[in-house]
């Protein structure tokens, strides 16, 4: 296991996903945010099946920053219930994993 994690977040548009990524990277809560446009999400919300275009934001950060990152996403996100999923990274290219740690702030 490493200290690195991946956090998945869906957003309603490329502009909103970029806004989220920029804020989180500038605040050093995430080292990087990749925007994956063209995601089609089919889900149940308030008793109805929805079919919406979304953008997937893939964030790379350190495990110790998950809670402040999650809180900041919830604060900035336009959805009432944003997707914020943590995926632990079992292993990876050591220099890249070191870059993630160097590019994020030390936990409080």
PDB file of N, CA and C in Angstrom:
ATOM      1  N   UNK A   1       0.833  -1.180   0.000  1.00  0.00           N
ATOM      2  CA  UNK A   1       0.000   0.000   0.000  1.00  0.00           C
ATOM      3  C   UNK A   1       0.882   1.249   0.000  1.00  0.00           C
ATOM      4  N   UNK A   2       0.385   2.302  -0.608  1.00  0.00           N
ATOM      5  CA  UNK A   2       1.106   3.571  -0.640  1.00  0.00           C
ATOM      6  C   UNK A   2       0.306   4.628   0.116  1.00  0.00           C
ATOM      7  N   UNK A   3       0.854   5.828   0.202  1.00  0.00           N
ATOM      8  CA  UNK A   3       0.125   6.953   0.794  1.00  0.00           C
ATOM      9  C   UNK A   3      -0.776   7.626  -0.227  1.00  0.00           C
ATOM     10  N   UNK A   4      -0.672   7.225  -1.486  1.00  0.00           N
ATOM     11  CA  UNK A   4      -1.438   7.861  -2.555  1.00  0.00           C
ATOM     12  C   UNK A   4      -2.843   7.270  -2.647  1.00  0.00           C
ATOM     13  N   UNK A   5      -3.786   8.140  -3.003  1.00  0.00           N
ATOM     14  CA  UNK A   5      -5.156   7.697  -3.280  1.00  0.00           C
ATOM     15  C   UNK A   5      -5.652   8.389  -4.545  1.00  0.00           C
ATOM     16  N   UNK A   6      -6.664   7.805  -5.135  1.00  0.00           N
ATOM     17  CA  UNK A   6      -7.397   8.378  -6.261  1.00  0.00           C
ATOM     18  C   UNK A   6      -8.778   8.740  -5.732  1.00  0.00           C
ATOM     19  N   UNK A   7      -9.274   9.901  -6.098  1.00  0.00           N
ATOM     20  CA  UNK A   7     -10.623  10.307  -5.700  1.00  0.00           C
ATOM     21  C   UNK A   7     -11.408  10.611  -6.969  1.00  0.00           C
ATOM     22  N   UNK A   8     -12.553   9.961  -7.118  1.00  0.00           N
ATOM     23  CA  UNK A   8     -13.424  10.152  -8.268  1.00  0.00           C
ATOM     24  C   UNK A   8     -14.554  11.109  -7.915  1.00  0.00           C
ATOM     25  N   UNK A   9     -14.792  12.057  -8.806  1.00  0.00           N
ATOM     26  CA  UNK A   9     -15.852  13.046  -8.617  1.00  0.00           C
ATOM     27  C   UNK A   9     -16.501  13.271  -9.978  1.00  0.00           C
ATOM     28  N   UNK A  10     -17.834  13.224 -10.058  1.00  0.00           N
ATOM     29  CA  UNK A  10     -18.506  13.610 -11.290  1.00  0.00           C
ATOM     30  C   UNK A  10     -18.979  15.048 -11.165  1.00  0.00           C
ATOM     31  N   UNK A  11     -19.007  15.742 -12.302  1.00  0.00           N
ATOM     32  CA  UNK A  11     -19.429  17.139 -12.345  1.00  0.00           C
ATOM     33  C   UNK A  11     -20.367  17.335 -13.535  1.00  0.00           C
ATOM     34  N   UNK A  12     -21.194  18.376 -13.496  1.00  0.00           N
ATOM     35  CA  UNK A  12     -22.180  18.570 -14.556  1.00  0.00           C
ATOM     36  C   UNK A  12     -21.602  19.122 -15.861  1.00  0.00           C
ATOM     37  N   UNK A  13     -20.373  19.653 -15.826  1.00  0.00           N
ATOM     38  CA  UNK A  13     -19.796  20.238 -17.043  1.00  0.00           C
ATOM     39  C   UNK A  13     -18.277  20.247 -16.943  1.00  0.00           C
ATOM     40  N   UNK A  14     -17.640  20.420 -18.090  1.00  0.00           N
ATOM     41  CA  UNK A  14     -16.181  20.535 -18.121  1.00  0.00           C
ATOM     42  C   UNK A  14     -15.726  21.764 -17.348  1.00  0.00           C
ATOM     43  N   UNK A  15     -16.447  22.868 -17.507  1.00  0.00           N
ATOM     44  CA  UNK A  15     -16.071  24.086 -16.786  1.00  0.00           C
ATOM     45  C   UNK A  15     -16.121  23.891 -15.274  1.00  0.00           C
ATOM     46  N   UNK A  16     -17.161  23.232 -14.774  1.00  0.00           N
ATOM     47  CA  UNK A  16     -17.284  23.006 -13.329  1.00  0.00           C
ATOM     48  C   UNK A  16     -16.209  22.031 -12.855  1.00  0.00           C
ATOM     49  N   UNK A  17     -15.929  20.990 -13.613  1.00  0.00           N
ATOM     50  CA  UNK A  17     -14.877  20.037 -13.233  1.00  0.00           C
ATOM     51  C   UNK A  17     -13.518  20.736 -13.195  1.00  0.00           C
ATOM     52  N   UNK A  18     -13.253  21.602 -14.181  1.00  0.00           N
ATOM     53  CA  UNK A  18     -11.991  22.344 -14.216  1.00  0.00           C
ATOM     54  C   UNK A  18     -11.898  23.311 -13.043  1.00  0.00           C
ATOM     55  N   UNK A  19     -12.995  23.945 -12.710  1.00  0.00           N
ATOM     56  CA  UNK A  19     -13.036  24.868 -11.564  1.00  0.00           C
ATOM     57  C   UNK A  19     -12.712  24.130 -10.263  1.00  0.00           C
ATOM     58  N   UNK A  20     -13.311  22.954 -10.096  1.00  0.00           N
ATOM     59  CA  UNK A  20     -13.034  22.137  -8.919  1.00  0.00           C
ATOM     60  C   UNK A  20     -11.571  21.716  -8.887  1.00  0.00           C
ATOM     61  N   UNK A  21     -11.079  21.190 -10.001  1.00  0.00           N
ATOM     62  CA  UNK A  21      -9.693  20.714 -10.064  1.00  0.00           C
ATOM     63  C   UNK A  21      -8.720  21.844  -9.765  1.00  0.00           C
ATOM     64  N   UNK A  22      -8.928  22.994 -10.382  1.00  0.00           N
ATOM     65  CA  UNK A  22      -8.015  24.127 -10.178  1.00  0.00           C
ATOM     66  C   UNK A  22      -7.978  24.543  -8.706  1.00  0.00           C
ATOM     67  N   UNK A  23      -9.139  24.659  -8.077  1.00  0.00           N
ATOM     68  CA  UNK A  23      -9.189  25.060  -6.664  1.00  0.00           C
ATOM     69  C   UNK A  23      -8.462  24.039  -5.790  1.00  0.00           C
ATOM     70  N   UNK A  24      -8.698  22.760  -6.020  1.00  0.00           N
ATOM     71  CA  UNK A  24      -8.113  21.715  -5.185  1.00  0.00           C
ATOM     72  C   UNK A  24      -6.607  21.611  -5.375  1.00  0.00           C
ATOM     73  N   UNK A  25      -6.141  21.809  -6.607  1.00  0.00           N
ATOM     74  CA  UNK A  25      -4.695  21.791  -6.868  1.00  0.00           C
ATOM     75  C   UNK A  25      -4.042  23.051  -6.304  1.00  0.00           C
ATOM     76  N   UNK A  26      -4.666  24.209  -6.502  1.00  0.00           N
ATOM     77  CA  UNK A  26      -4.112  25.452  -5.952  1.00  0.00           C
ATOM     78  C   UNK A  26      -4.011  25.407  -4.432  1.00  0.00           C
ATOM     79  N   UNK A  27      -4.980  24.759  -3.794  1.00  0.00           N
ATOM     80  CA  UNK A  27      -4.981  24.636  -2.328  1.00  0.00           C
ATOM     81  C   UNK A  27      -4.117  23.482  -1.839  1.00  0.00           C
ATOM     82  N   UNK A  28      -3.471  22.787  -2.762  1.00  0.00           N
ATOM     83  CA  UNK A  28      -2.599  21.641  -2.495  1.00  0.00           C
ATOM     84  C   UNK A  28      -3.313  20.493  -1.793  1.00  0.00           C
ATOM     85  N   UNK A  29      -4.623  20.392  -2.011  1.00  0.00           N
ATOM     86  CA  UNK A  29      -5.372  19.231  -1.528  1.00  0.00           C
ATOM     87  C   UNK A  29      -5.266  18.082  -2.511  1.00  0.00           C
ATOM     88  N   UNK A  30      -4.933  18.388  -3.750  1.00  0.00           N
ATOM     89  CA  UNK A  30      -4.719  17.382  -4.788  1.00  0.00           C
ATOM     90  C   UNK A  30      -3.489  17.772  -5.592  1.00  0.00           C
ATOM     91  N   UNK A  31      -2.755  16.771  -6.059  1.00  0.00           N
ATOM     92  CA  UNK A  31      -1.583  17.021  -6.887  1.00  0.00           C
ATOM     93  C   UNK A  31      -1.985  17.249  -8.334  1.00  0.00           C
ATOM     94  N   UNK A  32      -3.078  16.627  -8.734  1.00  0.00           N
ATOM     95  CA  UNK A  32      -3.469  16.624 -10.137  1.00  0.00           C
ATOM     96  C   UNK A  32      -4.949  16.291 -10.248  1.00  0.00           C
ATOM     97  N   UNK A  33      -5.574  16.835 -11.265  1.00  0.00           N
ATOM     98  CA  UNK A  33      -6.955  16.484 -11.586  1.00  0.00           C
ATOM     99  C   UNK A  33      -7.083  16.251 -13.077  1.00  0.00           C
ATOM    100  N   UNK A  34      -7.532  15.068 -13.460  1.00  0.00           N
ATOM    101  CA  UNK A  34      -7.768  14.742 -14.866  1.00  0.00           C
ATOM    102  C   UNK A  34      -9.257  14.832 -15.148  1.00  0.00           C
ATOM    103  N   UNK A  35      -9.621  15.530 -16.227  1.00  0.00           N
ATOM    104  CA  UNK A  35     -11.014  15.660 -16.632  1.00  0.00           C
ATOM    105  C   UNK A  35     -11.291  14.693 -17.773  1.00  0.00           C
ATOM    106  N   UNK A  36     -12.309  13.871 -17.592  1.00  0.00           N
ATOM    107  CA  UNK A  36     -12.702  12.901 -18.603  1.00  0.00           C
ATOM    108  C   UNK A  36     -14.104  13.271 -19.069  1.00  0.00           C
ATOM    109  N   UNK A  37     -14.201  13.996 -20.189  1.00  0.00           N
ATOM    110  CA  UNK A  37     -15.532  14.383 -20.685  1.00  0.00           C
ATOM    111  C   UNK A  37     -16.235  13.208 -21.344  1.00  0.00           C
ATOM    112  N   UNK A  38     -17.497  13.396 -21.632  1.00  0.00           N
ATOM    113  CA  UNK A  38     -18.247  12.384 -22.373  1.00  0.00           C
ATOM    114  C   UNK A  38     -18.769  11.240 -21.536  1.00  0.00           C
ATOM    115  N   UNK A  39     -18.816  11.418 -20.219  1.00  0.00           N
ATOM    116  CA  UNK A  39     -19.364  10.385 -19.343  1.00  0.00           C
ATOM    117  C   UNK A  39     -20.881  10.501 -19.371  1.00  0.00           C
ATOM    118  N   UNK A  40     -21.538   9.387 -19.526  1.00  0.00           N
ATOM    119  CA  UNK A  40     -23.001   9.343 -19.476  1.00  0.00           C
ATOM    120  C   UNK A  40     -23.397   8.588 -18.220  1.00  0.00           C
ATOM    121  N   UNK A  41     -24.118   9.249 -17.343  1.00  0.00           N
ATOM    122  CA  UNK A  41     -24.503   8.656 -16.067  1.00  0.00           C
ATOM    123  C   UNK A  41     -26.001   8.375 -16.052  1.00  0.00           C
ATOM    124  N   UNK A  42     -26.333   7.140 -15.742  1.00  0.00           N
ATOM    125  CA  UNK A  42     -27.726   6.719 -15.593  1.00  0.00           C
ATOM    126  C   UNK A  42     -27.879   6.275 -14.141  1.00  0.00           C
ATOM    127  N   UNK A  43     -28.770   6.948 -13.420  1.00  0.00           N
ATOM    128  CA  UNK A  43     -28.869   6.732 -11.979  1.00  0.00           C
ATOM    129  C   UNK A  43     -30.278   7.074 -11.506  1.00  0.00           C
ATOM    130  N   UNK A  44     -30.591   6.599 -10.310  1.00  0.00           N
ATOM    131  CA  UNK A  44     -31.877   6.915  -9.700  1.00  0.00           C
ATOM    132  C   UNK A  44     -31.690   8.080  -8.744  1.00  0.00           C
ATOM    133  N   UNK A  45     -32.536   9.106  -8.875  1.00  0.00           N
ATOM    134  CA  UNK A  45     -32.487  10.266  -7.987  1.00  0.00           C
ATOM    135  C   UNK A  45     -33.904  10.726  -7.709  1.00  0.00           C
ATOM    136  N   UNK A  46     -34.242  10.809  -6.436  1.00  0.00           N
ATOM    137  CA  UNK A  46     -35.553  11.241  -5.978  1.00  0.00           C
ATOM    138  C   UNK A  46     -36.683  10.461  -6.662  1.00  0.00           C
ATOM    139  N   UNK A  47     -36.472   9.137  -6.760  1.00  0.00           N
ATOM    140  CA  UNK A  47     -37.498   8.245  -7.271  1.00  0.00           C
ATOM    141  C   UNK A  47     -37.601   8.152  -8.780  1.00  0.00           C
ATOM    142  N   UNK A  48     -36.733   8.834  -9.505  1.00  0.00           N
ATOM    143  CA  UNK A  48     -36.794   8.818 -10.972  1.00  0.00           C
ATOM    144  C   UNK A  48     -35.435   8.429 -11.545  1.00  0.00           C
ATOM    145  N   UNK A  49     -35.462   7.703 -12.646  1.00  0.00           N
ATOM    146  CA  UNK A  49     -34.221   7.355 -13.335  1.00  0.00           C
ATOM    147  C   UNK A  49     -33.792   8.547 -14.184  1.00  0.00           C
ATOM    148  N   UNK A  50     -32.560   8.966 -13.985  1.00  0.00           N
ATOM    149  CA  UNK A  50     -31.980  10.095 -14.709  1.00  0.00           C
ATOM    150  C   UNK A  50     -30.986   9.576 -15.740  1.00  0.00           C
ATOM    151  N   UNK A  51     -30.787  10.319 -16.810  1.00  0.00           N
ATOM    152  CA  UNK A  51     -29.824   9.998 -17.853  1.00  0.00           C
ATOM    153  C   UNK A  51     -29.154  11.314 -18.237  1.00  0.00           C
ATOM    154  N   UNK A  52     -27.947  11.547 -17.735  1.00  0.00           N
ATOM    155  CA  UNK A  52     -27.304  12.853 -17.857  1.00  0.00           C
ATOM    156  C   UNK A  52     -25.878  12.739 -18.381  1.00  0.00           C
ATOM    157  N   UNK A  53     -25.446  13.748 -19.101  1.00  0.00           N
ATOM    158  CA  UNK A  53     -24.038  13.894 -19.477  1.00  0.00           C
ATOM    159  C   UNK A  53     -23.294  14.488 -18.287  1.00  0.00           C
ATOM    160  N   UNK A  54     -22.130  13.942 -17.981  1.00  0.00           N
ATOM    161  CA  UNK A  54     -21.308  14.449 -16.894  1.00  0.00           C
ATOM    162  C   UNK A  54     -19.843  14.393 -17.315  1.00  0.00           C
ATOM    163  N   UNK A  55     -19.003  14.956 -16.483  1.00  0.00           N
ATOM    164  CA  UNK A  55     -17.551  14.901 -16.655  1.00  0.00           C
ATOM    165  C   UNK A  55     -16.994  14.218 -15.417  1.00  0.00           C
ATOM    166  N   UNK A  56     -16.102  13.258 -15.619  1.00  0.00           N
ATOM    167  CA  UNK A  56     -15.464  12.573 -14.497  1.00  0.00           C
ATOM    168  C   UNK A  56     -14.162  13.292 -14.171  1.00  0.00           C
ATOM    169  N   UNK A  57     -14.001  13.655 -12.915  1.00  0.00           N
ATOM    170  CA  UNK A  57     -12.779  14.269 -12.425  1.00  0.00           C
ATOM    171  C   UNK A  57     -12.042  13.215 -11.610  1.00  0.00           C
ATOM    172  N   UNK A  58     -10.802  12.936 -12.012  1.00  0.00           N
ATOM    173  CA  UNK A  58      -9.959  11.960 -11.323  1.00  0.00           C
ATOM    174  C   UNK A  58      -8.862  12.739 -10.611  1.00  0.00           C
ATOM    175  N   UNK A  59      -8.889  12.702  -9.288  1.00  0.00           N
ATOM    176  CA  UNK A  59      -7.930  13.445  -8.473  1.00  0.00           C
ATOM    177  C   UNK A  59      -6.903  12.507  -7.863  1.00  0.00           C
ATOM    178  N   UNK A  60      -5.655  12.958  -7.810  1.00  0.00           N
ATOM    179  CA  UNK A  60      -4.597  12.216  -7.144  1.00  0.00           C
ATOM    180  C   UNK A  60      -4.141  13.023  -5.933  1.00  0.00           C
ATOM    181  N   UNK A  61      -4.082  12.354  -4.782  1.00  0.00           N
ATOM    182  CA  UNK A  61      -3.697  13.029  -3.549  1.00  0.00           C
ATOM    183  C   UNK A  61      -3.124  12.013  -2.580  1.00  0.00           C
ATOM    184  N   UNK A  62      -2.898  12.448  -1.357  1.00  0.00           N
ATOM    185  CA  UNK A  62      -2.407  11.550  -0.310  1.00  0.00           C
ATOM    186  C   UNK A  62      -3.568  11.164   0.617  1.00  0.00           C
ATOM    187  N   UNK A  63      -3.498   9.986   1.182  1.00  0.00           N
ATOM    188  CA  UNK A  63      -4.581   9.449   2.009  1.00  0.00           C
ATOM    189  C   UNK A  63      -4.936  10.373   3.170  1.00  0.00           C
ATOM    190  N   UNK A  64      -3.941  10.977   3.792  1.00  0.00           N
ATOM    191  CA  UNK A  64      -4.182  11.820   4.955  1.00  0.00           C
ATOM    192  C   UNK A  64      -4.966  13.084   4.621  1.00  0.00           C
ATOM    193  N   UNK A  65      -5.069  13.429   3.334  1.00  0.00           N
ATOM    194  CA  UNK A  65      -5.814  14.622   2.927  1.00  0.00           C
ATOM    195  C   UNK A  65      -7.238  14.318   2.474  1.00  0.00           C
ATOM    196  N   UNK A  66      -7.653  13.057   2.547  1.00  0.00           N
ATOM    197  CA  UNK A  66      -8.980  12.717   2.031  1.00  0.00           C
ATOM    198  C   UNK A  66     -10.095  13.507   2.699  1.00  0.00           C
ATOM    199  N   UNK A  67     -10.111  13.584   4.006  1.00  0.00           N
ATOM    200  CA  UNK A  67     -11.222  14.277   4.680  1.00  0.00           C
ATOM    201  C   UNK A  67     -11.272  15.770   4.350  1.00  0.00           C
ATOM    202  N   UNK A  68     -10.166  16.513   4.417  1.00  0.00           N
ATOM    203  CA  UNK A  68     -10.269  17.920   4.000  1.00  0.00           C
ATOM    204  C   UNK A  68     -10.597  18.075   2.520  1.00  0.00           C
ATOM    205  N   UNK A  69     -10.103  17.176   1.685  1.00  0.00           N
ATOM    206  CA  UNK A  69     -10.441  17.205   0.258  1.00  0.00           C
ATOM    207  C   UNK A  69     -11.927  16.960   0.063  1.00  0.00           C
ATOM    208  N   UNK A  70     -12.466  15.941   0.720  1.00  0.00           N
ATOM    209  CA  UNK A  70     -13.894  15.620   0.614  1.00  0.00           C
ATOM    210  C   UNK A  70     -14.734  16.808   1.060  1.00  0.00           C
ATOM    211  N   UNK A  71     -14.370  17.405   2.185  1.00  0.00           N
ATOM    212  CA  UNK A  71     -15.130  18.545   2.700  1.00  0.00           C
ATOM    213  C   UNK A  71     -15.101  19.721   1.717  1.00  0.00           C
ATOM    214  N   UNK A  72     -13.959  19.969   1.112  1.00  0.00           N
ATOM    215  CA  UNK A  72     -13.839  21.084   0.160  1.00  0.00           C
ATOM    216  C   UNK A  72     -14.637  20.808  -1.104  1.00  0.00           C
ATOM    217  N   UNK A  73     -14.633  19.569  -1.584  1.00  0.00           N
ATOM    218  CA  UNK A  73     -15.436  19.212  -2.763  1.00  0.00           C
ATOM    219  C   UNK A  73     -16.909  19.455  -2.469  1.00  0.00           C
ATOM    220  N   UNK A  74     -17.377  18.985  -1.329  1.00  0.00           N
ATOM    221  CA  UNK A  74     -18.784  19.169  -0.947  1.00  0.00           C
ATOM    222  C   UNK A  74     -19.127  20.657  -0.874  1.00  0.00           C
ATOM    223  N   UNK A  75     -18.196  21.453  -0.360  1.00  0.00           N
ATOM    224  CA  UNK A  75     -18.417  22.896  -0.243  1.00  0.00           C
ATOM    225  C   UNK A  75     -18.520  23.576  -1.610  1.00  0.00           C
ATOM    226  N   UNK A  76     -17.688  23.162  -2.561  1.00  0.00           N
ATOM    227  CA  UNK A  76     -17.614  23.811  -3.870  1.00  0.00           C
ATOM    228  C   UNK A  76     -18.570  23.238  -4.917  1.00  0.00           C
ATOM    229  N   UNK A  77     -19.024  22.029  -4.721  1.00  0.00           N
ATOM    230  CA  UNK A  77     -19.775  21.296  -5.741  1.00  0.00           C
ATOM    231  C   UNK A  77     -21.223  21.771  -5.837  1.00  0.00           C
ATOM    232  N   UNK A  78     -21.774  21.840  -7.062  1.00  0.00           N
ATOM    233  CA  UNK A  78     -23.164  22.285  -7.215  1.00  0.00           C
ATOM    234  C   UNK A  78     -24.208  21.224  -6.863  1.00  0.00           C
ATOM    235  N   UNK A  79     -23.823  19.950  -6.809  1.00  0.00           N
ATOM    236  CA  UNK A  79     -24.791  18.891  -6.497  1.00  0.00           C
ATOM    237  C   UNK A  79     -25.092  18.848  -5.002  1.00  0.00           C
ATOM    238  N   UNK A  80     -26.317  18.466  -4.655  1.00  0.00           N
ATOM    239  CA  UNK A  80     -26.679  18.244  -3.258  1.00  0.00           C
ATOM    240  C   UNK A  80     -25.905  17.075  -2.668  1.00  0.00           C
ATOM    241  N   UNK A  81     -25.706  16.031  -3.473  1.00  0.00           N
ATOM    242  CA  UNK A  81     -24.998  14.826  -3.041  1.00  0.00           C
ATOM    243  C   UNK A  81     -23.935  14.488  -4.093  1.00  0.00           C
ATOM    244  N   UNK A  82     -22.780  15.154  -4.038  1.00  0.00           N
ATOM    245  CA  UNK A  82     -21.752  14.870  -5.032  1.00  0.00           C
ATOM    246  C   UNK A  82     -21.104  13.505  -4.820  1.00  0.00           C
ATOM    247  N   UNK A  83     -20.682  12.923  -5.923  1.00  0.00           N
ATOM    248  CA  UNK A  83     -19.897  11.688  -5.862  1.00  0.00           C
ATOM    249  C   UNK A  83     -18.500  12.052  -5.382  1.00  0.00           C
ATOM    250  N   UNK A  84     -18.066  11.420  -4.311  1.00  0.00           N
ATOM    251  CA  UNK A  84     -16.692  11.566  -3.823  1.00  0.00           C
ATOM    252  C   UNK A  84     -16.281  10.173  -3.365  1.00  0.00           C
ATOM    253  N   UNK A  85     -15.554   9.462  -4.214  1.00  0.00           N
ATOM    254  CA  UNK A  85     -15.164   8.086  -3.918  1.00  0.00           C
ATOM    255  C   UNK A  85     -13.651   7.975  -3.810  1.00  0.00           C
ATOM    256  N   UNK A  86     -13.193   7.391  -2.738  1.00  0.00           N
ATOM    257  CA  UNK A  86     -11.757   7.191  -2.499  1.00  0.00           C
ATOM    258  C   UNK A  86     -11.355   5.791  -2.951  1.00  0.00           C
ATOM    259  N   UNK A  87     -10.294   5.729  -3.735  1.00  0.00           N
ATOM    260  CA  UNK A  87      -9.708   4.462  -4.160  1.00  0.00           C
ATOM    261  C   UNK A  87      -8.262   4.446  -3.685  1.00  0.00           C
ATOM    262  N   UNK A  88      -7.913   3.487  -2.849  1.00  0.00           N
ATOM    263  CA  UNK A  88      -6.538   3.385  -2.362  1.00  0.00           C
ATOM    264  C   UNK A  88      -5.640   2.828  -3.464  1.00  0.00           C
ATOM    265  N   UNK A  89      -4.440   3.351  -3.553  1.00  0.00           N
ATOM    266  CA  UNK A  89      -3.462   2.922  -4.552  1.00  0.00           C
ATOM    267  C   UNK A  89      -2.553   1.884  -3.905  1.00  0.00           C
ATOM    268  N   UNK A  90      -2.565   0.670  -4.431  1.00  0.00           N
ATOM    269  CA  UNK A  90      -1.761  -0.410  -3.866  1.00  0.00           C
ATOM    270  C   UNK A  90      -0.282  -0.239  -4.183  1.00  0.00           C
ATOM    271  N   UNK A  91       0.004   0.239  -5.388  1.00  0.00           N
ATOM    272  CA  UNK A  91       1.390   0.375  -5.815  1.00  0.00           C
ATOM    273  C   UNK A  91       1.420   1.281  -7.028  1.00  0.00           C
ATOM    274  N   UNK A  92       2.602   1.703  -7.426  1.00  0.00           N
ATOM    275  CA  UNK A  92       2.732   2.559  -8.590  1.00  0.00           C
ATOM    276  C   UNK A  92       4.186   2.888  -8.850  1.00  0.00           C
ATOM    277  N   UNK A  93       4.411   3.722  -9.844  1.00  0.00           N
ATOM    278  CA  UNK A  93       5.754   4.162 -10.206  1.00  0.00           C
ATOM    279  C   UNK A  93       6.268   5.079  -9.095  1.00  0.00           C
ATOM    280  N   UNK A  94       7.323   4.675  -8.408  1.00  0.00           N
ATOM    281  CA  UNK A  94       7.809   5.379  -7.217  1.00  0.00           C
ATOM    282  C   UNK A  94       8.040   6.879  -7.438  1.00  0.00           C
ATOM    283  N   UNK A  95       8.661   7.302  -8.538  1.00  0.00           N
ATOM    284  CA  UNK A  95       8.839   8.748  -8.722  1.00  0.00           C
ATOM    285  C   UNK A  95       7.505   9.499  -8.842  1.00  0.00           C
ATOM    286  N   UNK A  96       6.505   8.886  -9.464  1.00  0.00           N
ATOM    287  CA  UNK A  96       5.189   9.530  -9.572  1.00  0.00           C
ATOM    288  C   UNK A  96       4.522   9.614  -8.200  1.00  0.00           C
ATOM    289  N   UNK A  97       4.606   8.551  -7.431  1.00  0.00           N
ATOM    290  CA  UNK A  97       4.028   8.561  -6.086  1.00  0.00           C
ATOM    291  C   UNK A  97       4.706   9.621  -5.219  1.00  0.00           C
ATOM    292  N   UNK A  98       6.008   9.774  -5.365  1.00  0.00           N
ATOM    293  CA  UNK A  98       6.733  10.813  -4.630  1.00  0.00           C
ATOM    294  C   UNK A  98       6.295  12.201  -5.062  1.00  0.00           C
ATOM    295  N   UNK A  99       6.038  12.367  -6.361  1.00  0.00           N
ATOM    296  CA  UNK A  99       5.563  13.652  -6.880  1.00  0.00           C
ATOM    297  C   UNK A  99       4.211  14.025  -6.271  1.00  0.00           C
ATOM    298  N   UNK A 100       3.311  13.048  -6.121  1.00  0.00           N
ATOM    299  CA  UNK A 100       2.013  13.311  -5.487  1.00  0.00           C
ATOM    300  C   UNK A 100       2.227  13.876  -4.087  1.00  0.00           C
ATOM    301  N   UNK A 101       3.092  13.238  -3.321  1.00  0.00           N
ATOM    302  CA  UNK A 101       3.345  13.703  -1.957  1.00  0.00           C
ATOM    303  C   UNK A 101       3.985  15.088  -1.945  1.00  0.00           C
ATOM    304  N   UNK A 102       4.922  15.326  -2.860  1.00  0.00           N
ATOM    305  CA  UNK A 102       5.602  16.619  -2.919  1.00  0.00           C
ATOM    306  C   UNK A 102       4.676  17.743  -3.393  1.00  0.00           C
ATOM    307  N   UNK A 103       3.634  17.395  -4.134  1.00  0.00           N
ATOM    308  CA  UNK A 103       2.740  18.398  -4.726  1.00  0.00           C
ATOM    309  C   UNK A 103       1.518  18.698  -3.870  1.00  0.00           C
ATOM    310  N   UNK A 104       1.390  18.012  -2.742  1.00  0.00           N
ATOM    311  CA  UNK A 104       0.257  18.248  -1.845  1.00  0.00           C
ATOM    312  C   UNK A 104       0.798  18.720  -0.494  1.00  0.00           C
ATOM    313  N   UNK A 105      -0.073  19.414   0.220  1.00  0.00           N
ATOM    314  CA  UNK A 105       0.363  19.945   1.515  1.00  0.00           C
ATOM    315  C   UNK A 105       0.420  18.843   2.560  1.00  0.00           C
ATOM    316  N   UNK A 106       1.235  19.073   3.554  1.00  0.00           N
ATOM    317  CA  UNK A 106       1.288  18.133   4.673  1.00  0.00           C
ATOM    318  C   UNK A 106      -0.047  18.208   5.415  1.00  0.00           C
ATOM    319  N   UNK A 107      -0.550  17.069   5.872  1.00  0.00           N
ATOM    320  CA  UNK A 107      -1.813  17.070   6.615  1.00  0.00           C
ATOM    321  C   UNK A 107      -1.708  17.895   7.891  1.00  0.00           C
ATOM    322  N   UNK A 108      -2.836  18.458   8.304  1.00  0.00           N
ATOM    323  CA  UNK A 108      -2.875  19.249   9.549  1.00  0.00           C
ATOM    324  C   UNK A 108      -2.668  18.376  10.759  1.00  0.00           C
TER     325      UNK A 108
END
